[in-house]
Structures are given as C-alpha cells and as structure tokens.
Amino acid sequence: MDETGPHNERLPDEVRKKVEKKLDARRTEKRSLWHGLGLFGLVGWAVALPTVAMVALGVWLDRTLDDDYSWTLALLLAGVFLGCMNAWYWVSKESKAE
C-alpha cells in the first residue's frame, strides 16, 4: 500500500483537530439533568403542538365542509410529519452546539 497518499498527508491534522475537540469538551461545563429534561420537553412540545393544531383544523374543516374526505386524518398525518421535522431541527441544532 502506498503510505504517501493524500489520505495519510491529512491524517496528522485530523488527529490534532479531534484531540483538540475532545480536550475542549473536557474543559467545558457538563450539561445538567435539567438541561436534558428541558431538551426532552422541547422535543415533545415540538411534536405535540403542530399535531394538535392540525387536528383542530381538520375537525373544523370536517364540520364546515360536507365532504367524503377526512380532513382530520389527513391533517393528523401532516401535523405529525411537521412535528417530527420540527423536533429533528431542534435536536440537530442542539447537537451542533455541543
């Protein structure tokens, strides 16, 4: 195997960056239990609020429109999807901050 390839030339820099990142993580203050519970609550509300709002809109549409189509069910699925995308956004934002 060729040990002078482009991957091996970057190896010391990559190792140094990873070591610096780990040392910085050890120096920073640890996250508390309250932080974890807060994030857990944020994710829960991020899913629950769009779901409930979309279901409420669907119930209103079903009562208002005389249609064979179930707006409540369709908007329930849309609300869950939007809520999951919202939760994914907040979790990815928090993991980038760490």
PDB file of N, CA and C in Angstrom:
ATOM      1  N   MET A   1       0.833  -1.180   0.000  1.00  0.00           N
ATOM      2  CA  MET A   1       0.000   0.000   0.000  1.00  0.00           C
ATOM      3  C   MET A   1       0.875   1.241   0.000  1.00  0.00           C
ATOM      4  N   ASP A   2       0.410   2.245  -0.663  1.00  0.00           N
ATOM      5  CA  ASP A   2       1.135   3.500  -0.745  1.00  0.00           C
ATOM      6  C   ASP A   2       0.829   4.333   0.496  1.00  0.00           C
ATOM      7  N   GLU A   3       1.856   4.610   1.293  1.00  0.00           N
ATOM      8  CA  GLU A   3       1.646   5.346   2.533  1.00  0.00           C
ATOM      9  C   GLU A   3       1.839   6.839   2.373  1.00  0.00           C
ATOM     10  N   THR A   4       2.077   7.307   1.186  1.00  0.00           N
ATOM     11  CA  THR A   4       2.257   8.745   0.960  1.00  0.00           C
ATOM     12  C   THR A   4       1.066   9.329   0.214  1.00  0.00           C
ATOM     13  N   GLY A   5      -0.048   8.640   0.217  1.00  0.00           N
ATOM     14  CA  GLY A   5      -1.239   9.098  -0.498  1.00  0.00           C
ATOM     15  C   GLY A   5      -1.846  10.333   0.155  1.00  0.00           C
ATOM     16  N   PRO A   6      -2.857  10.892  -0.467  1.00  0.00           N
ATOM     17  CA  PRO A   6      -3.468  12.124   0.043  1.00  0.00           C
ATOM     18  C   PRO A   6      -4.159  11.930   1.399  1.00  0.00           C
ATOM     19  N   HIS A   7      -4.619  10.722   1.692  1.00  0.00           N
ATOM     20  CA  HIS A   7      -5.288  10.487   2.971  1.00  0.00           C
ATOM     21  C   HIS A   7      -4.291  10.537   4.122  1.00  0.00           C
ATOM     22  N   ASN A   8      -3.116  10.014   3.923  1.00  0.00           N
ATOM     23  CA  ASN A   8      -2.127   9.986   5.006  1.00  0.00           C
ATOM     24  C   ASN A   8      -1.495  11.347   5.254  1.00  0.00           C
ATOM     25  N   GLU A   9      -1.504  12.223   4.279  1.00  0.00           N
ATOM     26  CA  GLU A   9      -0.958  13.556   4.485  1.00  0.00           C
ATOM     27  C   GLU A   9      -1.871  14.388   5.385  1.00  0.00           C
ATOM     28  N   ARG A  10      -3.179  14.129   5.352  1.00  0.00           N
ATOM     29  CA  ARG A  10      -4.137  14.867   6.174  1.00  0.00           C
ATOM     30  C   ARG A  10      -4.303  14.252   7.557  1.00  0.00           C
ATOM     31  N   LEU A  11      -3.800  13.063   7.747  1.00  0.00           N
ATOM     32  CA  LEU A  11      -4.035  12.338   8.993  1.00  0.00           C
ATOM     33  C   LEU A  11      -3.567  13.099  10.228  1.00  0.00           C
ATOM     34  N   PRO A  12      -2.364  13.663  10.281  1.00  0.00           N
ATOM     35  CA  PRO A  12      -1.959  14.393  11.496  1.00  0.00           C
ATOM     36  C   PRO A  12      -2.876  15.575  11.812  1.00  0.00           C
ATOM     37  N   ASP A  13      -3.334  16.294  10.799  1.00  0.00           N
ATOM     38  CA  ASP A  13      -4.239  17.419  11.029  1.00  0.00           C
ATOM     39  C   ASP A  13      -5.581  16.939  11.583  1.00  0.00           C
ATOM     40  N   GLU A  14      -6.096  15.834  11.045  1.00  0.00           N
ATOM     41  CA  GLU A  14      -7.370  15.309  11.515  1.00  0.00           C
ATOM     42  C   GLU A  14      -7.257  14.819  12.957  1.00  0.00           C
ATOM     43  N   VAL A  15      -6.158  14.169  13.267  1.00  0.00           N
ATOM     44  CA  VAL A  15      -5.950  13.683  14.638  1.00  0.00           C
ATOM     45  C   VAL A  15      -5.831  14.864  15.598  1.00  0.00           C
ATOM     46  N   ARG A  16      -5.089  15.890  15.211  1.00  0.00           N
ATOM     47  CA  ARG A  16      -4.930  17.059  16.051  1.00  0.00           C
ATOM     48  C   ARG A  16      -6.269  17.737  16.307  1.00  0.00           C
ATOM     49  N   LYS A  17      -7.105  17.869  15.281  1.00  0.00           N
ATOM     50  CA  LYS A  17      -8.409  18.502  15.439  1.00  0.00           C
ATOM     51  C   LYS A  17      -9.303  17.700  16.381  1.00  0.00           C
ATOM     52  N   LYS A  18      -9.260  16.369  16.256  1.00  0.00           N
ATOM     53  CA  LYS A  18     -10.081  15.536  17.130  1.00  0.00           C
ATOM     54  C   LYS A  18      -9.608  15.609  18.575  1.00  0.00           C
ATOM     55  N   VAL A  19      -8.296  15.638  18.771  1.00  0.00           N
ATOM     56  CA  VAL A  19      -7.757  15.742  20.128  1.00  0.00           C
ATOM     57  C   VAL A  19      -8.137  17.091  20.749  1.00  0.00           C
ATOM     58  N   GLU A  20      -8.019  18.168  19.975  1.00  0.00           N
ATOM     59  CA  GLU A  20      -8.392  19.491  20.474  1.00  0.00           C
ATOM     60  C   GLU A  20      -9.878  19.546  20.818  1.00  0.00           C
ATOM     61  N   LYS A  21     -10.701  18.922  20.000  1.00  0.00           N
ATOM     62  CA  LYS A  21     -12.136  18.911  20.245  1.00  0.00           C
ATOM     63  C   LYS A  21     -12.465  18.160  21.535  1.00  0.00           C
ATOM     64  N   LYS A  22     -11.794  17.030  21.770  1.00  0.00           N
ATOM     65  CA  LYS A  22     -12.024  16.264  22.993  1.00  0.00           C
ATOM     66  C   LYS A  22     -11.535  17.021  24.218  1.00  0.00           C
ATOM     67  N   LEU A  23     -10.396  17.691  24.098  1.00  0.00           N
ATOM     68  CA  LEU A  23      -9.893  18.465  25.229  1.00  0.00           C
ATOM     69  C   LEU A  23     -10.810  19.637  25.547  1.00  0.00           C
ATOM     70  N   ASP A  24     -11.347  20.295  24.528  1.00  0.00           N
ATOM     71  CA  ASP A  24     -12.292  21.383  24.750  1.00  0.00           C
ATOM     72  C   ASP A  24     -13.562  20.867  25.426  1.00  0.00           C
ATOM     73  N   ALA A  25     -14.013  19.692  25.014  1.00  0.00           N
ATOM     74  CA  ALA A  25     -15.215  19.116  25.625  1.00  0.00           C
ATOM     75  C   ALA A  25     -14.981  18.793  27.093  1.00  0.00           C
ATOM     76  N   ARG A  26     -13.783  18.371  27.454  1.00  0.00           N
ATOM     77  CA  ARG A  26     -13.486  18.077  28.863  1.00  0.00           C
ATOM     78  C   ARG A  26     -13.407  19.346  29.690  1.00  0.00           C
ATOM     79  N   ARG A  27     -12.946  20.438  29.078  1.00  0.00           N
ATOM     80  CA  ARG A  27     -12.816  21.700  29.805  1.00  0.00           C
ATOM     81  C   ARG A  27     -14.159  22.385  30.028  1.00  0.00           C
ATOM     82  N   THR A  28     -15.088  22.201  29.116  1.00  0.00           N
ATOM     83  CA  THR A  28     -16.375  22.882  29.237  1.00  0.00           C
ATOM     84  C   THR A  28     -17.211  22.244  30.336  1.00  0.00           C
ATOM     85  N   GLU A  29     -18.140  23.021  30.815  1.00  0.00           N
ATOM     86  CA  GLU A  29     -19.001  22.573  31.894  1.00  0.00           C
ATOM     87  C   GLU A  29     -19.947  21.484  31.381  1.00  0.00           C
ATOM     88  N   LYS A  30     -20.170  20.492  32.224  1.00  0.00           N
ATOM     89  CA  LYS A  30     -21.067  19.394  31.859  1.00  0.00           C
ATOM     90  C   LYS A  30     -22.512  19.891  31.854  1.00  0.00           C
ATOM     91  N   ARG A  31     -23.317  19.296  30.998  1.00  0.00           N
ATOM     92  CA  ARG A  31     -24.737  19.630  30.939  1.00  0.00           C
ATOM     93  C   ARG A  31     -25.437  19.001  32.141  1.00  0.00           C
ATOM     94  N   SER A  32     -26.374  19.713  32.691  1.00  0.00           N
ATOM     95  CA  SER A  32     -27.068  19.228  33.875  1.00  0.00           C
ATOM     96  C   SER A  32     -28.267  18.366  33.483  1.00  0.00           C
ATOM     97  N   LEU A  33     -28.833  17.750  34.484  1.00  0.00           N
ATOM     98  CA  LEU A  33     -30.040  16.960  34.282  1.00  0.00           C
ATOM     99  C   LEU A  33     -31.174  17.846  33.795  1.00  0.00           C
ATOM    100  N   TRP A  34     -31.236  19.062  34.305  1.00  0.00           N
ATOM    101  CA  TRP A  34     -32.298  19.984  33.901  1.00  0.00           C
ATOM    102  C   TRP A  34     -32.189  20.350  32.430  1.00  0.00           C
ATOM    103  N   HIS A  35     -30.973  20.435  31.946  1.00  0.00           N
ATOM    104  CA  HIS A  35     -30.781  20.726  30.521  1.00  0.00           C
ATOM    105  C   HIS A  35     -31.348  19.581  29.679  1.00  0.00           C
ATOM    106  N   GLY A  36     -31.055  18.365  30.079  1.00  0.00           N
ATOM    107  CA  GLY A  36     -31.573  17.201  29.355  1.00  0.00           C
ATOM    108  C   GLY A  36     -33.084  17.117  29.404  1.00  0.00           C
ATOM    109  N   LEU A  37     -33.660  17.386  30.584  1.00  0.00           N
ATOM    110  CA  LEU A  37     -35.114  17.370  30.704  1.00  0.00           C
ATOM    111  C   LEU A  37     -35.748  18.496  29.889  1.00  0.00           C
ATOM    112  N   GLY A  38     -35.089  19.638  29.856  1.00  0.00           N
ATOM    113  CA  GLY A  38     -35.594  20.739  29.048  1.00  0.00           C
ATOM    114  C   GLY A  38     -35.595  20.410  27.565  1.00  0.00           C
ATOM    115  N   LEU A  39     -34.532  19.762  27.117  1.00  0.00           N
ATOM    116  CA  LEU A  39     -34.467  19.352  25.714  1.00  0.00           C
ATOM    117  C   LEU A  39     -35.525  18.307  25.413  1.00  0.00           C
ATOM    118  N   PHE A  40     -35.735  17.387  26.348  1.00  0.00           N
ATOM    119  CA  PHE A  40     -36.768  16.366  26.193  1.00  0.00           C
ATOM    120  C   PHE A  40     -38.144  17.019  26.066  1.00  0.00           C
ATOM    121  N   GLY A  41     -38.399  18.014  26.910  1.00  0.00           N
ATOM    122  CA  GLY A  41     -39.667  18.736  26.839  1.00  0.00           C
ATOM    123  C   GLY A  41     -39.814  19.524  25.556  1.00  0.00           C
ATOM    124  N   LEU A  42     -38.722  20.118  25.096  1.00  0.00           N
ATOM    125  CA  LEU A  42     -38.751  20.879  23.850  1.00  0.00           C
ATOM    126  C   LEU A  42     -39.115  19.976  22.672  1.00  0.00           C
ATOM    127  N   VAL A  43     -38.523  18.801  22.642  1.00  0.00           N
ATOM    128  CA  VAL A  43     -38.820  17.860  21.556  1.00  0.00           C
ATOM    129  C   VAL A  43     -40.277  17.420  21.631  1.00  0.00           C
ATOM    130  N   GLY A  44     -40.763  17.159  22.847  1.00  0.00           N
ATOM    131  CA  GLY A  44     -42.156  16.754  23.000  1.00  0.00           C
ATOM    132  C   GLY A  44     -43.127  17.821  22.522  1.00  0.00           C
ATOM    133  N   TRP A  45     -42.893  19.066  22.944  1.00  0.00           N
ATOM    134  CA  TRP A  45     -43.763  20.148  22.511  1.00  0.00           C
ATOM    135  C   TRP A  45     -43.618  20.434  21.024  1.00  0.00           C
ATOM    136  N   ALA A  46     -42.425  20.226  20.491  1.00  0.00           N
ATOM    137  CA  ALA A  46     -42.198  20.465  19.059  1.00  0.00           C
ATOM    138  C   ALA A  46     -43.017  19.509  18.213  1.00  0.00           C
ATOM    139  N   VAL A  47     -43.311  18.327  18.735  1.00  0.00           N
ATOM    140  CA  VAL A  47     -44.142  17.368  18.002  1.00  0.00           C
ATOM    141  C   VAL A  47     -45.618  17.578  18.346  1.00  0.00           C
ATOM    142  N   ALA A  48     -45.920  17.819  19.616  1.00  0.00           N
ATOM    143  CA  ALA A  48     -47.313  17.882  20.060  1.00  0.00           C
ATOM    144  C   ALA A  48     -48.069  19.090  19.513  1.00  0.00           C
ATOM    145  N   LEU A  49     -47.446  20.257  19.539  1.00  0.00           N
ATOM    146  CA  LEU A  49     -48.169  21.465  19.129  1.00  0.00           C
ATOM    147  C   LEU A  49     -48.618  21.447  17.661  1.00  0.00           C
ATOM    148  N   PRO A  50     -47.737  21.136  16.708  1.00  0.00           N
ATOM    149  CA  PRO A  50     -48.222  21.087  15.322  1.00  0.00           C
ATOM    150  C   PRO A  50     -49.270  19.991  15.102  1.00  0.00           C
ATOM    151  N   THR A  51     -49.122  18.875  15.812  1.00  0.00           N
ATOM    152  CA  THR A  51     -50.085  17.791  15.655  1.00  0.00           C
ATOM    153  C   THR A  51     -51.466  18.213  16.150  1.00  0.00           C
ATOM    154  N   VAL A  52     -51.535  18.778  17.334  1.00  0.00           N
ATOM    155  CA  VAL A  52     -52.821  19.203  17.894  1.00  0.00           C
ATOM    156  C   VAL A  52     -53.428  20.326  17.059  1.00  0.00           C
ATOM    157  N   ALA A  53     -52.605  21.254  16.609  1.00  0.00           N
ATOM    158  CA  ALA A  53     -53.114  22.358  15.795  1.00  0.00           C
ATOM    159  C   ALA A  53     -53.696  21.848  14.477  1.00  0.00           C
ATOM    160  N   MET A  54     -53.025  20.914  13.855  1.00  0.00           N
ATOM    161  CA  MET A  54     -53.509  20.383  12.582  1.00  0.00           C
ATOM    162  C   MET A  54     -54.769  19.543  12.783  1.00  0.00           C
ATOM    163  N   VAL A  55     -54.859  18.802  13.880  1.00  0.00           N
ATOM    164  CA  VAL A  55     -56.071  18.026  14.164  1.00  0.00           C
ATOM    165  C   VAL A  55     -57.246  18.969  14.404  1.00  0.00           C
ATOM    166  N   ALA A  56     -57.015  20.043  15.151  1.00  0.00           N
ATOM    167  CA  ALA A  56     -58.085  21.016  15.394  1.00  0.00           C
ATOM    168  C   ALA A  56     -58.568  21.629  14.079  1.00  0.00           C
ATOM    169  N   LEU A  57     -57.634  21.951  13.197  1.00  0.00           N
ATOM    170  CA  LEU A  57     -58.008  22.478  11.886  1.00  0.00           C
ATOM    171  C   LEU A  57     -58.783  21.431  11.091  1.00  0.00           C
ATOM    172  N   GLY A  58     -58.366  20.189  11.166  1.00  0.00           N
ATOM    173  CA  GLY A  58     -59.059  19.118  10.462  1.00  0.00           C
ATOM    174  C   GLY A  58     -60.466  18.892  10.970  1.00  0.00           C
ATOM    175  N   VAL A  59     -60.657  18.947  12.288  1.00  0.00           N
ATOM    176  CA  VAL A  59     -62.003  18.797  12.858  1.00  0.00           C
ATOM    177  C   VAL A  59     -62.893  19.943  12.396  1.00  0.00           C
ATOM    178  N   TRP A  60     -62.352  21.150  12.407  1.00  0.00           N
ATOM    179  CA  TRP A  60     -63.124  22.304  11.949  1.00  0.00           C
ATOM    180  C   TRP A  60     -63.507  22.167  10.471  1.00  0.00           C
ATOM    181  N   LEU A  61     -62.535  21.722   9.641  1.00  0.00           N
ATOM    182  CA  LEU A  61     -62.832  21.536   8.217  1.00  0.00           C
ATOM    183  C   LEU A  61     -63.871  20.445   7.997  1.00  0.00           C
ATOM    184  N   ASP A  62     -63.791  19.368   8.780  1.00  0.00           N
ATOM    185  CA  ASP A  62     -64.773  18.291   8.641  1.00  0.00           C
ATOM    186  C   ASP A  62     -66.178  18.757   9.018  1.00  0.00           C
ATOM    187  N   ARG A  63     -66.278  19.616  10.019  1.00  0.00           N
ATOM    188  CA  ARG A  63     -67.599  20.134  10.409  1.00  0.00           C
ATOM    189  C   ARG A  63     -68.115  21.177   9.428  1.00  0.00           C
ATOM    190  N   THR A  64     -67.192  21.942   8.852  1.00  0.00           N
ATOM    191  CA  THR A  64     -67.587  23.023   7.954  1.00  0.00           C
ATOM    192  C   THR A  64     -67.929  22.503   6.557  1.00  0.00           C
ATOM    193  N   LEU A  65     -67.086  21.661   6.020  1.00  0.00           N
ATOM    194  CA  LEU A  65     -67.267  21.151   4.670  1.00  0.00           C
ATOM    195  C   LEU A  65     -68.011  19.822   4.722  1.00  0.00           C
ATOM    196  N   ASP A  66     -68.972  19.669   3.868  1.00  0.00           N
ATOM    197  CA  ASP A  66     -69.670  18.384   3.758  1.00  0.00           C
ATOM    198  C   ASP A  66     -68.962  17.579   2.675  1.00  0.00           C
ATOM    199  N   ASP A  67     -67.940  16.847   3.099  1.00  0.00           N
ATOM    200  CA  ASP A  67     -67.069  16.157   2.152  1.00  0.00           C
ATOM    201  C   ASP A  67     -66.881  14.717   2.604  1.00  0.00           C
ATOM    202  N   ASP A  68     -66.642  13.820   1.658  1.00  0.00           N
ATOM    203  CA  ASP A  68     -66.369  12.422   1.998  1.00  0.00           C
ATOM    204  C   ASP A  68     -64.934  12.234   2.496  1.00  0.00           C
ATOM    205  N   TYR A  69     -64.115  13.209   2.258  1.00  0.00           N
ATOM    206  CA  TYR A  69     -62.696  13.154   2.621  1.00  0.00           C
ATOM    207  C   TYR A  69     -62.528  13.512   4.099  1.00  0.00           C
ATOM    208  N   SER A  70     -61.728  12.746   4.842  1.00  0.00           N
ATOM    209  CA  SER A  70     -61.490  13.013   6.262  1.00  0.00           C
ATOM    210  C   SER A  70     -60.306  13.966   6.411  1.00  0.00           C
ATOM    211  N   TRP A  71     -60.619  15.226   6.638  1.00  0.00           N
ATOM    212  CA  TRP A  71     -59.568  16.217   6.830  1.00  0.00           C
ATOM    213  C   TRP A  71     -58.828  15.992   8.135  1.00  0.00           C
ATOM    214  N   THR A  72     -59.527  15.498   9.138  1.00  0.00           N
ATOM    215  CA  THR A  72     -58.893  15.272  10.439  1.00  0.00           C
ATOM    216  C   THR A  72     -57.762  14.260  10.312  1.00  0.00           C
ATOM    217  N   LEU A  73     -58.022  13.164   9.642  1.00  0.00           N
ATOM    218  CA  LEU A  73     -56.990  12.139   9.488  1.00  0.00           C
ATOM    219  C   LEU A  73     -55.828  12.636   8.635  1.00  0.00           C
ATOM    220  N   ALA A  74     -56.148  13.307   7.548  1.00  0.00           N
ATOM    221  CA  ALA A  74     -55.088  13.808   6.663  1.00  0.00           C
ATOM    222  C   ALA A  74     -54.215  14.845   7.372  1.00  0.00           C
ATOM    223  N   LEU A  75     -54.852  15.753   8.103  1.00  0.00           N
ATOM    224  CA  LEU A  75     -54.089  16.782   8.781  1.00  0.00           C
ATOM    225  C   LEU A  75     -53.389  16.249  10.030  1.00  0.00           C
ATOM    226  N   LEU A  76     -53.907  15.159  10.607  1.00  0.00           N
ATOM    227  CA  LEU A  76     -53.184  14.497  11.701  1.00  0.00           C
ATOM    228  C   LEU A  76     -51.836  13.990  11.198  1.00  0.00           C
ATOM    229  N   LEU A  77     -51.847  13.326  10.068  1.00  0.00           N
ATOM    230  CA  LEU A  77     -50.593  12.821   9.496  1.00  0.00           C
ATOM    231  C   LEU A  77     -49.655  13.977   9.128  1.00  0.00           C
ATOM    232  N   ALA A  78     -50.219  15.040   8.568  1.00  0.00           N
ATOM    233  CA  ALA A  78     -49.390  16.197   8.225  1.00  0.00           C
ATOM    234  C   ALA A  78     -48.810  16.843   9.480  1.00  0.00           C
ATOM    235  N   GLY A  79     -49.597  16.922  10.542  1.00  0.00           N
ATOM    236  CA  GLY A  79     -49.120  17.510  11.791  1.00  0.00           C
ATOM    237  C   GLY A  79     -48.017  16.695  12.431  1.00  0.00           C
ATOM    238  N   VAL A  80     -48.159  15.374  12.404  1.00  0.00           N
ATOM    239  CA  VAL A  80     -47.107  14.510  12.952  1.00  0.00           C
ATOM    240  C   VAL A  80     -45.829  14.669  12.140  1.00  0.00           C
ATOM    241  N   PHE A  81     -45.956  14.721  10.821  1.00  0.00           N
ATOM    242  CA  PHE A  81     -44.784  14.905   9.971  1.00  0.00           C
ATOM    243  C   PHE A  81     -44.103  16.243  10.257  1.00  0.00           C
ATOM    244  N   LEU A  82     -44.887  17.317  10.310  1.00  0.00           N
ATOM    245  CA  LEU A  82     -44.307  18.631  10.601  1.00  0.00           C
ATOM    246  C   LEU A  82     -43.674  18.666  11.991  1.00  0.00           C
ATOM    247  N   GLY A  83     -44.323  18.036  12.958  1.00  0.00           N
ATOM    248  CA  GLY A  83     -43.774  17.985  14.305  1.00  0.00           C
ATOM    249  C   GLY A  83     -42.461  17.227  14.370  1.00  0.00           C
ATOM    250  N   CYS A  84     -42.381  16.118  13.653  1.00  0.00           N
ATOM    251  CA  CYS A  84     -41.128  15.350  13.636  1.00  0.00           C
ATOM    252  C   CYS A  84     -40.009  16.132  12.947  1.00  0.00           C
ATOM    253  N   MET A  85     -40.346  16.831  11.889  1.00  0.00           N
ATOM    254  CA  MET A  85     -39.340  17.663  11.225  1.00  0.00           C
ATOM    255  C   MET A  85     -38.887  18.790  12.151  1.00  0.00           C
ATOM    256  N   ASN A  86     -39.811  19.361  12.892  1.00  0.00           N
ATOM    257  CA  ASN A  86     -39.502  20.414  13.848  1.00  0.00           C
ATOM    258  C   ASN A  86     -38.591  19.884  14.961  1.00  0.00           C
ATOM    259  N   ALA A  87     -38.917  18.713  15.487  1.00  0.00           N
ATOM    260  CA  ALA A  87     -38.092  18.114  16.541  1.00  0.00           C
ATOM    261  C   ALA A  87     -36.702  17.791  16.006  1.00  0.00           C
ATOM    262  N   TRP A  88     -36.632  17.277  14.787  1.00  0.00           N
ATOM    263  CA  TRP A  88     -35.333  16.964  14.185  1.00  0.00           C
ATOM    264  C   TRP A  88     -34.488  18.232  14.072  1.00  0.00           C
ATOM    265  N   TYR A  89     -35.116  19.340  13.706  1.00  0.00           N
ATOM    266  CA  TYR A  89     -34.402  20.606  13.595  1.00  0.00           C
ATOM    267  C   TYR A  89     -33.802  21.008  14.938  1.00  0.00           C
ATOM    268  N   TRP A  90     -34.601  20.954  16.014  1.00  0.00           N
ATOM    269  CA  TRP A  90     -34.119  21.378  17.326  1.00  0.00           C
ATOM    270  C   TRP A  90     -33.040  20.456  17.868  1.00  0.00           C
ATOM    271  N   VAL A  91     -33.188  19.150  17.649  1.00  0.00           N
ATOM    272  CA  VAL A  91     -32.172  18.215  18.133  1.00  0.00           C
ATOM    273  C   VAL A  91     -30.870  18.400  17.366  1.00  0.00           C
ATOM    274  N   SER A  92     -30.945  18.588  16.062  1.00  0.00           N
ATOM    275  CA  SER A  92     -29.713  18.792  15.286  1.00  0.00           C
ATOM    276  C   SER A  92     -29.061  20.122  15.659  1.00  0.00           C
ATOM    277  N   LYS A  93     -29.861  21.130  15.942  1.00  0.00           N
ATOM    278  CA  LYS A  93     -29.303  22.418  16.361  1.00  0.00           C
ATOM    279  C   LYS A  93     -28.598  22.280  17.704  1.00  0.00           C
ATOM    280  N   GLU A  94     -29.196  21.532  18.619  1.00  0.00           N
ATOM    281  CA  GLU A  94     -28.583  21.321  19.937  1.00  0.00           C
ATOM    282  C   GLU A  94     -27.315  20.471  19.841  1.00  0.00           C
ATOM    283  N   SER A  95     -27.317  19.474  18.968  1.00  0.00           N
ATOM    284  CA  SER A  95     -26.116  18.633  18.844  1.00  0.00           C
ATOM    285  C   SER A  95     -24.980  19.391  18.188  1.00  0.00           C
ATOM    286  N   LYS A  96     -25.279  20.346  17.319  1.00  0.00           N
ATOM    287  CA  LYS A  96     -24.221  21.173  16.739  1.00  0.00           C
ATOM    288  C   LYS A  96     -23.631  22.105  17.783  1.00  0.00           C
ATOM    289  N   ALA A  97     -24.465  22.543  18.715  1.00  0.00           N
ATOM    290  CA  ALA A  97     -23.983  23.435  19.783  1.00  0.00           C
ATOM    291  C   ALA A  97     -23.028  22.707  20.717  1.00  0.00           C
ATOM    292  N   GLU A  98     -23.219  21.409  20.873  1.00  0.00           N
ATOM    293  CA  GLU A  98     -22.317  20.638  21.737  1.00  0.00           C
ATOM    294  C   GLU A  98     -21.037  20.371  21.018  1.00  0.00           C
TER     295      GLU A  98
END
